[in-house]
Amino acid sequence: MKIDVATTVFVFDLDDTLYKEADYHLSGVRAVLRKIERLYKKDISSRVTQWIDDGATDLWGEICEELNLPESVKQSLLWEYRLHQPEITLDPAIKCMLDWLVQRSAGLAILTDGRAITQRLKLAALGLDNLPAYISEEHGSEKPSPNRFRAIQYLHPERQHVYIGDNPAKDFLAANELGWISIGLRGDERNVHSQEVLGLDPRCLPKIWINSLSELHNLFQ
């Protein structure tokens, strides 16, 4: 399959597609630890690292217990995490590819699930806040709902559309049903969401799998 870049609108997922969401998580934890050290004069970073390595399912609760704080403080820690300024970066090769697509394609956008402020802080940190972004909280719908896909299609009629994501459980169903080209980016052990496809409806699977975003160039004509 070859894609005519000039007549195609490219839409990317954000987390674990354009950057590793695990990097955002570590950035947020570091921000919370800095706030704790400033307010409570305690450095619990080594303890938190151990909890993360052990697969803690209630990290904020563990922190409250360590500091002898009421469990209700968990919500404050969580919002500190969600609203922190992310220390994440875009791989230079991915930045070059996106810049190339901005110049040559019929359109480029981000379609991502998450909280509005959190996702826009990520986009700003990655230098992607100049791109149109369709964020679930701002549109009142999450994938696999087709609503945001249809909104993009409405703005770019008579164009071919491509969606690049990583999560087969929700990323590709709407794109497939609307006749888009769906491309799945294979991840690794750092991916937040499973890429297991066993038992999934075939309609959820991407039409094409790639191992890195650099392979997109092989699909262009």
N, C-alpha and C. Protein backbone atom coordinates (compact mmCIF):
# COMPACT_ATOMS: atom_id res chain seq x y z
N MET A 1 0.85 -1.20 0.00
CA MET A 1 0.00 0.00 0.00
C MET A 1 0.88 1.25 0.00
N LYS A 2 0.60 2.18 -0.92
CA LYS A 2 1.32 3.44 -0.99
C LYS A 2 0.36 4.59 -0.70
N ILE A 3 0.87 5.59 0.00
CA ILE A 3 0.07 6.72 0.43
C ILE A 3 0.54 7.97 -0.30
N ASP A 4 -0.40 8.64 -0.97
CA ASP A 4 -0.10 9.91 -1.64
C ASP A 4 -0.12 11.01 -0.58
N VAL A 5 1.04 11.45 -0.16
CA VAL A 5 1.15 12.39 0.95
C VAL A 5 0.39 13.68 0.67
N ALA A 6 0.47 14.17 -0.54
CA ALA A 6 -0.10 15.47 -0.87
C ALA A 6 -1.62 15.50 -0.74
N THR A 7 -2.27 14.36 -0.85
CA THR A 7 -3.73 14.32 -0.77
C THR A 7 -4.22 13.63 0.51
N THR A 8 -3.33 13.47 1.48
CA THR A 8 -3.67 12.71 2.68
C THR A 8 -3.55 13.58 3.94
N VAL A 9 -4.51 13.41 4.83
CA VAL A 9 -4.48 14.02 6.15
C VAL A 9 -3.96 12.98 7.14
N PHE A 10 -2.90 13.32 7.87
CA PHE A 10 -2.29 12.41 8.82
C PHE A 10 -2.70 12.81 10.24
N VAL A 11 -3.25 11.85 10.98
CA VAL A 11 -3.70 12.09 12.35
C VAL A 11 -2.96 11.11 13.27
N PHE A 12 -2.33 11.64 14.30
CA PHE A 12 -1.52 10.82 15.20
C PHE A 12 -2.14 10.76 16.59
N ASP A 13 -2.09 9.58 17.19
CA ASP A 13 -2.27 9.46 18.63
C ASP A 13 -1.07 10.12 19.30
N LEU A 14 -1.17 10.40 20.60
CA LEU A 14 -0.07 11.06 21.30
C LEU A 14 0.72 10.09 22.18
N ASP A 15 0.09 9.62 23.25
CA ASP A 15 0.79 8.81 24.25
C ASP A 15 1.19 7.44 23.70
N ASP A 16 2.46 7.12 23.84
CA ASP A 16 3.07 5.88 23.36
C ASP A 16 3.06 5.76 21.84
N THR A 17 2.76 6.86 21.16
CA THR A 17 2.90 6.90 19.71
C THR A 17 3.96 7.92 19.32
N LEU A 18 3.80 9.16 19.75
CA LEU A 18 4.79 10.18 19.42
C LEU A 18 5.88 10.30 20.49
N TYR A 19 5.61 9.79 21.68
CA TYR A 19 6.61 9.75 22.75
C TYR A 19 6.19 8.64 23.70
N LYS A 20 7.03 8.28 24.65
CA LYS A 20 6.73 7.23 25.60
C LYS A 20 5.98 7.79 26.82
N GLU A 21 4.77 7.28 27.05
CA GLU A 21 3.99 7.76 28.18
C GLU A 21 4.68 7.47 29.51
N ALA A 22 5.49 6.42 29.56
CA ALA A 22 6.24 6.11 30.78
C ALA A 22 7.15 7.27 31.16
N ASP A 23 7.67 8.01 30.18
CA ASP A 23 8.52 9.17 30.47
C ASP A 23 7.71 10.27 31.14
N TYR A 24 6.46 10.43 30.70
CA TYR A 24 5.58 11.42 31.34
C TYR A 24 5.31 11.01 32.78
N HIS A 25 5.07 9.73 33.02
CA HIS A 25 4.78 9.26 34.37
C HIS A 25 5.96 9.55 35.29
N LEU A 26 7.17 9.25 34.84
CA LEU A 26 8.35 9.52 35.67
C LEU A 26 8.53 11.02 35.91
N SER A 27 8.23 11.82 34.90
CA SER A 27 8.31 13.27 35.04
C SER A 27 7.34 13.76 36.11
N GLY A 28 6.12 13.22 36.09
CA GLY A 28 5.12 13.62 37.07
C GLY A 28 5.48 13.20 38.48
N VAL A 29 5.99 12.00 38.61
CA VAL A 29 6.41 11.53 39.94
C VAL A 29 7.54 12.41 40.48
N ARG A 30 8.50 12.76 39.62
CA ARG A 30 9.59 13.63 40.07
C ARG A 30 9.05 14.99 40.53
N ALA A 31 8.05 15.52 39.82
CA ALA A 31 7.46 16.81 40.19
C ALA A 31 6.80 16.73 41.56
N VAL A 32 6.09 15.64 41.81
CA VAL A 32 5.45 15.45 43.11
C VAL A 32 6.50 15.34 44.21
N LEU A 33 7.58 14.60 43.95
CA LEU A 33 8.63 14.43 44.95
C LEU A 33 9.32 15.76 45.28
N ARG A 34 9.50 16.59 44.26
CA ARG A 34 10.09 17.91 44.51
C ARG A 34 9.18 18.75 45.40
N LYS A 35 7.88 18.68 45.15
CA LYS A 35 6.93 19.44 45.97
C LYS A 35 6.93 18.92 47.40
N ILE A 36 6.97 17.61 47.56
CA ILE A 36 7.00 17.03 48.91
C ILE A 36 8.26 17.47 49.65
N GLU A 37 9.40 17.44 48.97
CA GLU A 37 10.65 17.82 49.62
C GLU A 37 10.62 19.29 50.04
N ARG A 38 10.01 20.13 49.19
CA ARG A 38 9.94 21.55 49.52
C ARG A 38 8.99 21.82 50.70
N LEU A 39 7.86 21.11 50.74
CA LEU A 39 6.85 21.38 51.75
C LEU A 39 7.08 20.63 53.06
N TYR A 40 7.58 19.38 52.95
CA TYR A 40 7.71 18.54 54.14
C TYR A 40 9.16 18.27 54.54
N LYS A 41 10.10 18.82 53.75
CA LYS A 41 11.53 18.67 54.06
C LYS A 41 11.94 17.20 54.16
N LYS A 42 11.36 16.38 53.30
CA LYS A 42 11.70 14.96 53.30
C LYS A 42 11.97 14.50 51.87
N ASP A 43 13.04 13.73 51.73
CA ASP A 43 13.37 13.14 50.44
C ASP A 43 13.01 11.66 50.50
N ILE A 44 11.94 11.28 49.81
CA ILE A 44 11.50 9.88 49.82
C ILE A 44 11.66 9.26 48.42
N SER A 45 12.55 9.86 47.62
CA SER A 45 12.69 9.41 46.23
C SER A 45 13.12 7.95 46.13
N SER A 46 14.03 7.52 47.00
CA SER A 46 14.50 6.13 46.92
C SER A 46 13.37 5.16 47.26
N ARG A 47 12.55 5.52 48.22
CA ARG A 47 11.40 4.68 48.58
C ARG A 47 10.43 4.60 47.42
N VAL A 48 10.14 5.73 46.80
CA VAL A 48 9.18 5.77 45.69
C VAL A 48 9.71 4.97 44.51
N THR A 49 10.99 5.09 44.22
CA THR A 49 11.59 4.31 43.13
C THR A 49 11.40 2.82 43.37
N GLN A 50 11.59 2.39 44.60
CA GLN A 50 11.42 0.98 44.94
C GLN A 50 9.97 0.55 44.77
N TRP A 51 9.03 1.41 45.18
CA TRP A 51 7.61 1.07 45.02
C TRP A 51 7.25 0.93 43.54
N ILE A 52 7.78 1.83 42.72
CA ILE A 52 7.50 1.77 41.28
C ILE A 52 8.09 0.49 40.70
N ASP A 53 9.33 0.17 41.08
CA ASP A 53 9.97 -1.06 40.59
C ASP A 53 9.19 -2.30 41.02
N ASP A 54 8.55 -2.23 42.18
CA ASP A 54 7.78 -3.36 42.69
C ASP A 54 6.37 -3.42 42.12
N GLY A 55 6.03 -2.43 41.26
CA GLY A 55 4.72 -2.42 40.62
C GLY A 55 3.60 -1.94 41.52
N ALA A 56 3.86 -0.95 42.35
CA ALA A 56 2.85 -0.42 43.27
C ALA A 56 1.60 0.02 42.51
N THR A 57 0.44 -0.37 43.03
CA THR A 57 -0.83 -0.01 42.39
C THR A 57 -1.48 1.21 43.03
N ASP A 58 -0.96 1.65 44.17
CA ASP A 58 -1.50 2.83 44.86
C ASP A 58 -0.33 3.69 45.33
N LEU A 59 0.38 4.26 44.36
CA LEU A 59 1.59 5.02 44.68
C LEU A 59 1.30 6.20 45.59
N TRP A 60 0.24 6.95 45.30
CA TRP A 60 -0.07 8.13 46.10
C TRP A 60 -0.47 7.73 47.52
N GLY A 61 -1.15 6.61 47.66
CA GLY A 61 -1.47 6.12 48.99
C GLY A 61 -0.24 5.72 49.77
N GLU A 62 0.72 5.08 49.08
CA GLU A 62 1.98 4.71 49.72
C GLU A 62 2.71 5.94 50.22
N ILE A 63 2.70 7.00 49.41
CA ILE A 63 3.39 8.23 49.80
C ILE A 63 2.71 8.85 51.03
N CYS A 64 1.39 8.87 51.03
CA CYS A 64 0.68 9.42 52.19
C CYS A 64 1.00 8.64 53.46
N GLU A 65 1.04 7.33 53.33
CA GLU A 65 1.35 6.50 54.50
C GLU A 65 2.78 6.77 54.98
N GLU A 66 3.71 6.90 54.04
CA GLU A 66 5.11 7.15 54.41
C GLU A 66 5.26 8.48 55.15
N LEU A 67 4.45 9.48 54.77
CA LEU A 67 4.56 10.81 55.36
C LEU A 67 3.58 11.02 56.51
N ASN A 68 2.82 9.96 56.87
CA ASN A 68 1.81 10.06 57.92
C ASN A 68 0.78 11.14 57.62
N LEU A 69 0.36 11.17 56.37
CA LEU A 69 -0.66 12.12 55.93
C LEU A 69 -1.98 11.39 55.74
N PRO A 70 -3.11 12.10 55.93
CA PRO A 70 -4.40 11.45 55.70
C PRO A 70 -4.56 11.03 54.24
N GLU A 71 -5.34 9.99 54.03
CA GLU A 71 -5.51 9.46 52.69
C GLU A 71 -6.10 10.48 51.73
N SER A 72 -6.84 11.44 52.26
CA SER A 72 -7.46 12.46 51.41
C SER A 72 -6.42 13.29 50.65
N VAL A 73 -5.17 13.31 51.15
CA VAL A 73 -4.11 14.09 50.47
C VAL A 73 -3.76 13.46 49.13
N LYS A 74 -4.13 12.20 48.94
CA LYS A 74 -3.86 11.53 47.66
C LYS A 74 -4.37 12.36 46.48
N GLN A 75 -5.54 12.97 46.62
CA GLN A 75 -6.10 13.75 45.52
C GLN A 75 -5.24 14.96 45.19
N SER A 76 -4.68 15.59 46.22
CA SER A 76 -3.79 16.73 45.97
C SER A 76 -2.53 16.30 45.24
N LEU A 77 -1.98 15.15 45.64
CA LEU A 77 -0.80 14.62 44.97
C LEU A 77 -1.11 14.28 43.51
N LEU A 78 -2.28 13.71 43.31
CA LEU A 78 -2.68 13.32 41.96
C LEU A 78 -2.82 14.53 41.05
N TRP A 79 -3.40 15.61 41.57
CA TRP A 79 -3.55 16.81 40.74
C TRP A 79 -2.22 17.51 40.52
N GLU A 80 -1.33 17.42 41.49
CA GLU A 80 0.03 17.93 41.29
C GLU A 80 0.68 17.20 40.12
N TYR A 81 0.47 15.90 40.07
CA TYR A 81 0.98 15.05 38.98
C TYR A 81 0.35 15.45 37.65
N ARG A 82 -0.96 15.58 37.63
CA ARG A 82 -1.66 15.86 36.37
C ARG A 82 -1.35 17.24 35.81
N LEU A 83 -1.06 18.19 36.67
CA LEU A 83 -0.90 19.58 36.23
C LEU A 83 0.56 20.04 36.24
N HIS A 84 1.49 19.10 36.39
CA HIS A 84 2.89 19.50 36.40
C HIS A 84 3.36 19.85 34.99
N GLN A 85 4.45 20.60 34.91
CA GLN A 85 5.06 20.93 33.62
C GLN A 85 5.92 19.72 33.20
N PRO A 86 5.52 18.99 32.18
CA PRO A 86 6.21 17.74 31.85
C PRO A 86 7.65 17.95 31.37
N GLU A 87 8.52 17.08 31.83
CA GLU A 87 9.89 17.04 31.34
C GLU A 87 10.00 15.88 30.36
N ILE A 88 9.46 16.10 29.18
CA ILE A 88 9.47 15.10 28.12
C ILE A 88 9.93 15.77 26.84
N THR A 89 10.52 15.00 25.95
CA THR A 89 11.03 15.55 24.70
C THR A 89 10.61 14.68 23.52
N LEU A 90 10.57 15.29 22.37
CA LEU A 90 10.25 14.60 21.14
C LEU A 90 11.55 14.16 20.47
N ASP A 91 11.61 12.92 20.05
CA ASP A 91 12.79 12.44 19.34
C ASP A 91 13.02 13.32 18.11
N PRO A 92 14.26 13.76 17.86
CA PRO A 92 14.53 14.65 16.72
C PRO A 92 14.06 14.07 15.39
N ALA A 93 14.18 12.76 15.21
CA ALA A 93 13.75 12.14 13.95
C ALA A 93 12.24 12.26 13.78
N ILE A 94 11.50 12.11 14.88
CA ILE A 94 10.05 12.25 14.81
C ILE A 94 9.68 13.70 14.53
N LYS A 95 10.39 14.64 15.16
CA LYS A 95 10.14 16.06 14.89
C LYS A 95 10.38 16.38 13.42
N CYS A 96 11.44 15.86 12.86
CA CYS A 96 11.73 16.09 11.44
C CYS A 96 10.62 15.52 10.55
N MET A 97 10.15 14.33 10.89
CA MET A 97 9.09 13.71 10.10
C MET A 97 7.81 14.53 10.16
N LEU A 98 7.45 15.01 11.36
CA LEU A 98 6.23 15.80 11.49
C LEU A 98 6.36 17.12 10.73
N ASP A 99 7.52 17.76 10.82
CA ASP A 99 7.75 19.00 10.07
C ASP A 99 7.62 18.75 8.58
N TRP A 100 8.15 17.62 8.13
CA TRP A 100 8.07 17.25 6.72
C TRP A 100 6.61 17.07 6.29
N LEU A 101 5.82 16.44 7.14
CA LEU A 101 4.41 16.22 6.82
C LEU A 101 3.62 17.53 6.84
N VAL A 102 3.97 18.43 7.73
CA VAL A 102 3.30 19.73 7.76
C VAL A 102 3.48 20.44 6.42
N GLN A 103 4.66 20.32 5.84
CA GLN A 103 4.96 20.99 4.58
C GLN A 103 4.34 20.30 3.37
N ARG A 104 4.18 18.99 3.42
CA ARG A 104 3.84 18.24 2.20
C ARG A 104 2.48 17.55 2.20
N SER A 105 1.89 17.36 3.37
CA SER A 105 0.63 16.63 3.41
C SER A 105 -0.57 17.58 3.30
N ALA A 106 -1.76 16.98 3.18
CA ALA A 106 -2.99 17.78 3.12
C ALA A 106 -3.43 18.23 4.50
N GLY A 107 -2.81 17.73 5.55
CA GLY A 107 -3.17 18.13 6.90
C GLY A 107 -2.51 17.24 7.92
N LEU A 108 -2.34 17.79 9.13
CA LEU A 108 -1.70 17.04 10.21
C LEU A 108 -2.39 17.43 11.51
N ALA A 109 -2.75 16.42 12.34
CA ALA A 109 -3.45 16.70 13.59
C ALA A 109 -3.12 15.63 14.62
N ILE A 110 -3.44 15.93 15.88
CA ILE A 110 -3.29 15.00 16.99
C ILE A 110 -4.68 14.64 17.49
N LEU A 111 -4.94 13.36 17.71
CA LEU A 111 -6.20 12.91 18.29
C LEU A 111 -5.87 12.01 19.46
N THR A 112 -6.17 12.48 20.68
CA THR A 112 -5.69 11.79 21.88
C THR A 112 -6.75 11.79 22.96
N ASP A 113 -6.75 10.76 23.78
CA ASP A 113 -7.64 10.69 24.93
C ASP A 113 -6.92 11.22 26.16
N GLY A 114 -7.66 11.91 27.03
CA GLY A 114 -7.07 12.40 28.26
C GLY A 114 -7.70 13.71 28.70
N ARG A 115 -7.23 14.23 29.82
CA ARG A 115 -7.73 15.50 30.33
C ARG A 115 -7.16 16.65 29.51
N ALA A 116 -7.95 17.67 29.33
CA ALA A 116 -7.58 18.77 28.43
C ALA A 116 -6.26 19.43 28.83
N ILE A 117 -6.16 19.87 30.09
CA ILE A 117 -4.96 20.59 30.51
C ILE A 117 -3.75 19.67 30.50
N THR A 118 -3.92 18.45 30.99
CA THR A 118 -2.81 17.50 31.02
C THR A 118 -2.26 17.26 29.63
N GLN A 119 -3.15 16.98 28.67
CA GLN A 119 -2.69 16.67 27.31
C GLN A 119 -2.07 17.90 26.65
N ARG A 120 -2.63 19.07 26.89
CA ARG A 120 -2.06 20.28 26.27
C ARG A 120 -0.71 20.65 26.89
N LEU A 121 -0.52 20.35 28.16
CA LEU A 121 0.80 20.55 28.75
C LEU A 121 1.83 19.62 28.10
N LYS A 122 1.41 18.38 27.82
CA LYS A 122 2.30 17.45 27.12
C LYS A 122 2.65 17.99 25.73
N LEU A 123 1.64 18.43 24.99
CA LEU A 123 1.86 18.93 23.63
C LEU A 123 2.82 20.12 23.64
N ALA A 124 2.64 21.02 24.61
CA ALA A 124 3.53 22.18 24.70
C ALA A 124 4.95 21.75 25.00
N ALA A 125 5.12 20.80 25.92
CA ALA A 125 6.46 20.33 26.27
C ALA A 125 7.16 19.67 25.09
N LEU A 126 6.37 19.02 24.23
CA LEU A 126 6.93 18.33 23.06
C LEU A 126 7.07 19.25 21.85
N GLY A 127 6.64 20.50 21.98
CA GLY A 127 6.71 21.43 20.86
C GLY A 127 5.67 21.16 19.79
N LEU A 128 4.54 20.57 20.19
CA LEU A 128 3.50 20.20 19.23
C LEU A 128 2.23 21.02 19.41
N ASP A 129 2.30 22.08 20.22
CA ASP A 129 1.09 22.85 20.49
C ASP A 129 0.66 23.73 19.32
N ASN A 130 1.43 23.72 18.25
CA ASN A 130 1.02 24.44 17.04
C ASN A 130 0.09 23.60 16.17
N LEU A 131 -0.04 22.32 16.46
CA LEU A 131 -0.88 21.43 15.65
C LEU A 131 -2.30 21.40 16.18
N PRO A 132 -3.29 21.21 15.30
CA PRO A 132 -4.66 21.00 15.77
C PRO A 132 -4.71 19.76 16.65
N ALA A 133 -5.36 19.88 17.82
CA ALA A 133 -5.42 18.76 18.76
C ALA A 133 -6.87 18.47 19.12
N TYR A 134 -7.25 17.23 18.98
CA TYR A 134 -8.60 16.77 19.30
C TYR A 134 -8.50 15.90 20.55
N ILE A 135 -8.78 16.53 21.71
CA ILE A 135 -8.59 15.89 23.01
C ILE A 135 -9.95 15.44 23.54
N SER A 136 -10.01 14.23 24.07
CA SER A 136 -11.29 13.63 24.44
C SER A 136 -12.10 14.50 25.40
N GLU A 137 -11.48 15.04 26.43
CA GLU A 137 -12.23 15.81 27.42
C GLU A 137 -12.86 17.05 26.79
N GLU A 138 -12.20 17.64 25.83
CA GLU A 138 -12.72 18.85 25.19
C GLU A 138 -13.87 18.55 24.24
N HIS A 139 -13.94 17.31 23.79
CA HIS A 139 -14.98 16.93 22.82
C HIS A 139 -16.05 16.03 23.42
N GLY A 140 -15.87 15.63 24.68
CA GLY A 140 -16.89 14.82 25.33
C GLY A 140 -17.02 13.42 24.78
N SER A 141 -15.96 12.89 24.21
CA SER A 141 -16.01 11.51 23.71
C SER A 141 -14.61 10.93 23.69
N GLU A 142 -14.52 9.64 23.94
CA GLU A 142 -13.25 8.93 23.92
C GLU A 142 -13.26 7.88 22.82
N LYS A 143 -12.07 7.51 22.36
CA LYS A 143 -11.96 6.39 21.43
C LYS A 143 -12.51 5.14 22.11
N PRO A 144 -13.23 4.30 21.40
CA PRO A 144 -13.33 4.23 19.93
C PRO A 144 -14.48 5.02 19.32
N SER A 145 -15.07 5.98 20.04
CA SER A 145 -16.12 6.80 19.44
C SER A 145 -15.60 7.46 18.16
N PRO A 146 -16.41 7.51 17.10
CA PRO A 146 -15.96 8.10 15.84
C PRO A 146 -16.12 9.61 15.78
N ASN A 147 -16.63 10.26 16.84
CA ASN A 147 -17.01 11.67 16.75
C ASN A 147 -15.86 12.58 16.31
N ARG A 148 -14.70 12.44 16.93
CA ARG A 148 -13.60 13.34 16.57
C ARG A 148 -13.03 12.98 15.20
N PHE A 149 -13.06 11.70 14.85
CA PHE A 149 -12.61 11.29 13.52
C PHE A 149 -13.51 11.94 12.45
N ARG A 150 -14.81 11.93 12.73
CA ARG A 150 -15.75 12.55 11.78
C ARG A 150 -15.52 14.05 11.69
N ALA A 151 -15.21 14.69 12.81
CA ALA A 151 -14.96 16.13 12.80
C ALA A 151 -13.78 16.48 11.91
N ILE A 152 -12.73 15.68 11.99
CA ILE A 152 -11.56 15.89 11.13
C ILE A 152 -11.92 15.65 9.67
N GLN A 153 -12.67 14.60 9.43
CA GLN A 153 -13.07 14.26 8.07
C GLN A 153 -13.94 15.35 7.47
N TYR A 154 -14.78 15.96 8.30
CA TYR A 154 -15.66 17.05 7.84
C TYR A 154 -14.82 18.26 7.41
N LEU A 155 -13.74 18.52 8.14
CA LEU A 155 -12.89 19.67 7.80
C LEU A 155 -12.04 19.43 6.56
N HIS A 156 -11.82 18.15 6.23
CA HIS A 156 -10.97 17.80 5.09
C HIS A 156 -11.71 16.83 4.17
N PRO A 157 -12.78 17.29 3.54
CA PRO A 157 -13.52 16.40 2.65
C PRO A 157 -12.71 16.06 1.40
N GLU A 158 -13.05 14.97 0.79
CA GLU A 158 -12.40 14.55 -0.45
C GLU A 158 -10.91 14.30 -0.27
N ARG A 159 -10.52 13.96 0.94
CA ARG A 159 -9.12 13.63 1.20
C ARG A 159 -9.03 12.21 1.75
N GLN A 160 -7.87 11.60 1.58
CA GLN A 160 -7.60 10.34 2.25
C GLN A 160 -7.13 10.66 3.67
N HIS A 161 -7.49 9.79 4.62
CA HIS A 161 -7.12 10.02 6.01
C HIS A 161 -6.36 8.81 6.56
N VAL A 162 -5.34 9.10 7.37
CA VAL A 162 -4.53 8.06 8.01
C VAL A 162 -4.53 8.32 9.51
N TYR A 163 -4.72 7.25 10.30
CA TYR A 163 -4.57 7.38 11.75
C TYR A 163 -3.47 6.45 12.22
N ILE A 164 -2.52 7.01 12.98
CA ILE A 164 -1.40 6.24 13.51
C ILE A 164 -1.53 6.20 15.02
N GLY A 165 -1.63 4.99 15.59
CA GLY A 165 -1.78 4.83 17.03
C GLY A 165 -1.05 3.59 17.50
N ASP A 166 -1.30 3.21 18.75
CA ASP A 166 -0.57 2.07 19.32
C ASP A 166 -1.47 1.07 20.02
N ASN A 167 -2.71 1.47 20.38
CA ASN A 167 -3.55 0.64 21.24
C ASN A 167 -4.67 -0.02 20.44
N PRO A 168 -4.53 -1.30 20.09
CA PRO A 168 -5.55 -1.95 19.27
C PRO A 168 -6.90 -2.08 19.95
N ALA A 169 -6.94 -1.94 21.27
CA ALA A 169 -8.21 -2.05 21.98
C ALA A 169 -9.15 -0.90 21.65
N LYS A 170 -8.60 0.26 21.24
CA LYS A 170 -9.50 1.40 21.02
C LYS A 170 -9.08 2.35 19.88
N ASP A 171 -7.84 2.26 19.41
CA ASP A 171 -7.35 3.30 18.50
C ASP A 171 -7.89 3.21 17.08
N PHE A 172 -8.18 2.02 16.58
CA PHE A 172 -8.35 1.86 15.14
C PHE A 172 -9.77 1.56 14.66
N LEU A 173 -10.67 1.23 15.58
CA LEU A 173 -12.02 0.83 15.17
C LEU A 173 -12.72 1.93 14.38
N ALA A 174 -12.75 3.14 14.92
CA ALA A 174 -13.45 4.24 14.24
C ALA A 174 -12.79 4.55 12.90
N ALA A 175 -11.47 4.58 12.88
CA ALA A 175 -10.76 4.85 11.62
C ALA A 175 -11.10 3.81 10.57
N ASN A 176 -11.13 2.55 10.97
CA ASN A 176 -11.46 1.48 10.03
C ASN A 176 -12.88 1.62 9.50
N GLU A 177 -13.81 1.92 10.41
CA GLU A 177 -15.21 2.02 10.00
C GLU A 177 -15.45 3.20 9.06
N LEU A 178 -14.62 4.24 9.17
CA LEU A 178 -14.76 5.41 8.30
C LEU A 178 -13.94 5.29 7.02
N GLY A 179 -13.25 4.16 6.84
CA GLY A 179 -12.49 3.96 5.62
C GLY A 179 -11.13 4.60 5.62
N TRP A 180 -10.62 4.96 6.80
CA TRP A 180 -9.28 5.52 6.89
C TRP A 180 -8.25 4.39 6.78
N ILE A 181 -7.01 4.77 6.50
CA ILE A 181 -5.89 3.84 6.61
C ILE A 181 -5.43 3.87 8.06
N SER A 182 -5.49 2.75 8.73
CA SER A 182 -5.08 2.67 10.14
C SER A 182 -3.71 2.00 10.23
N ILE A 183 -2.82 2.64 11.00
CA ILE A 183 -1.45 2.15 11.13
C ILE A 183 -1.13 1.98 12.61
N GLY A 184 -0.72 0.77 12.97
CA GLY A 184 -0.37 0.48 14.36
C GLY A 184 1.13 0.50 14.57
N LEU A 185 1.57 1.22 15.59
CA LEU A 185 2.98 1.29 15.95
C LEU A 185 3.27 0.26 17.03
N ARG A 186 4.08 -0.72 16.71
CA ARG A 186 4.43 -1.73 17.71
C ARG A 186 5.29 -1.10 18.80
N GLY A 187 4.97 -1.45 20.04
CA GLY A 187 5.70 -0.88 21.17
C GLY A 187 6.66 -1.87 21.79
N ASP A 188 6.97 -1.64 23.06
CA ASP A 188 7.88 -2.51 23.80
C ASP A 188 7.37 -2.63 25.23
N GLU A 189 8.23 -3.13 26.11
CA GLU A 189 7.81 -3.37 27.49
C GLU A 189 7.47 -2.09 28.24
N ARG A 190 7.84 -0.93 27.71
CA ARG A 190 7.53 0.33 28.38
C ARG A 190 6.16 0.88 28.01
N ASN A 191 5.49 0.29 27.03
CA ASN A 191 4.16 0.76 26.68
C ASN A 191 3.20 0.61 27.86
N VAL A 192 2.37 1.61 28.06
CA VAL A 192 1.43 1.60 29.17
C VAL A 192 0.30 0.61 28.93
N HIS A 193 -0.22 0.58 27.69
CA HIS A 193 -1.34 -0.29 27.38
C HIS A 193 -0.88 -1.51 26.57
N SER A 194 -1.54 -2.62 26.83
CA SER A 194 -1.21 -3.86 26.14
C SER A 194 -1.51 -3.76 24.64
N GLN A 195 -0.71 -4.42 23.86
CA GLN A 195 -0.96 -4.53 22.42
C GLN A 195 -1.42 -5.93 22.05
N GLU A 196 -1.87 -6.68 23.02
CA GLU A 196 -2.38 -8.03 22.77
C GLU A 196 -3.62 -7.95 21.88
N VAL A 197 -3.62 -8.71 20.81
CA VAL A 197 -4.74 -8.68 19.87
C VAL A 197 -5.59 -9.95 19.93
N LEU A 198 -5.14 -10.94 20.71
CA LEU A 198 -5.88 -12.18 20.81
C LEU A 198 -7.26 -11.92 21.39
N GLY A 199 -8.29 -12.35 20.65
CA GLY A 199 -9.66 -12.17 21.10
C GLY A 199 -10.30 -10.87 20.68
N LEU A 200 -9.53 -9.95 20.10
CA LEU A 200 -10.10 -8.68 19.65
C LEU A 200 -10.90 -8.88 18.36
N ASP A 201 -11.94 -8.10 18.21
CA ASP A 201 -12.69 -8.07 16.96
C ASP A 201 -11.73 -7.65 15.84
N PRO A 202 -11.71 -8.37 14.72
CA PRO A 202 -10.81 -8.01 13.61
C PRO A 202 -10.98 -6.56 13.16
N ARG A 203 -12.14 -5.98 13.38
CA ARG A 203 -12.35 -4.58 12.98
C ARG A 203 -11.51 -3.61 13.81
N CYS A 204 -11.00 -4.09 14.94
CA CYS A 204 -10.18 -3.24 15.81
C CYS A 204 -8.71 -3.19 15.38
N LEU A 205 -8.32 -4.06 14.49
CA LEU A 205 -6.90 -4.18 14.15
C LEU A 205 -6.50 -3.18 13.08
N PRO A 206 -5.29 -2.65 13.18
CA PRO A 206 -4.84 -1.72 12.14
C PRO A 206 -4.62 -2.46 10.82
N LYS A 207 -4.76 -1.73 9.74
CA LYS A 207 -4.52 -2.33 8.43
C LYS A 207 -3.02 -2.63 8.23
N ILE A 208 -2.17 -1.82 8.88
CA ILE A 208 -0.73 -1.95 8.73
C ILE A 208 -0.08 -1.85 10.10
N TRP A 209 0.91 -2.71 10.36
CA TRP A 209 1.75 -2.58 11.56
C TRP A 209 3.13 -2.08 11.14
N ILE A 210 3.70 -1.18 11.93
CA ILE A 210 5.08 -0.74 11.71
C ILE A 210 5.84 -0.85 13.03
N ASN A 211 7.15 -0.96 12.95
CA ASN A 211 7.97 -1.09 14.15
C ASN A 211 8.52 0.24 14.64
N SER A 212 8.53 1.24 13.79
CA SER A 212 8.95 2.58 14.19
C SER A 212 8.31 3.59 13.24
N LEU A 213 8.18 4.82 13.69
CA LEU A 213 7.56 5.83 12.84
C LEU A 213 8.40 6.14 11.61
N SER A 214 9.68 5.85 11.67
CA SER A 214 10.53 6.08 10.49
C SER A 214 10.09 5.21 9.31
N GLU A 215 9.41 4.09 9.59
CA GLU A 215 8.94 3.21 8.52
C GLU A 215 7.79 3.81 7.73
N LEU A 216 7.19 4.89 8.24
CA LEU A 216 6.12 5.53 7.48
C LEU A 216 6.60 5.96 6.09
N HIS A 217 7.85 6.40 6.02
CA HIS A 217 8.38 6.86 4.74
C HIS A 217 8.32 5.77 3.66
N ASN A 218 8.38 4.51 4.09
CA ASN A 218 8.29 3.43 3.13
C ASN A 218 6.91 3.29 2.49
N LEU A 219 5.93 3.94 3.13
CA LEU A 219 4.55 3.87 2.62
C LEU A 219 4.19 5.05 1.73
N PHE A 220 5.08 6.05 1.69
CA PHE A 220 4.78 7.26 0.94
C PHE A 220 5.12 7.10 -0.53
N GLN A 221 4.35 7.78 -1.36
CA GLN A 221 4.70 7.83 -2.78
C GLN A 221 4.86 9.28 -3.23
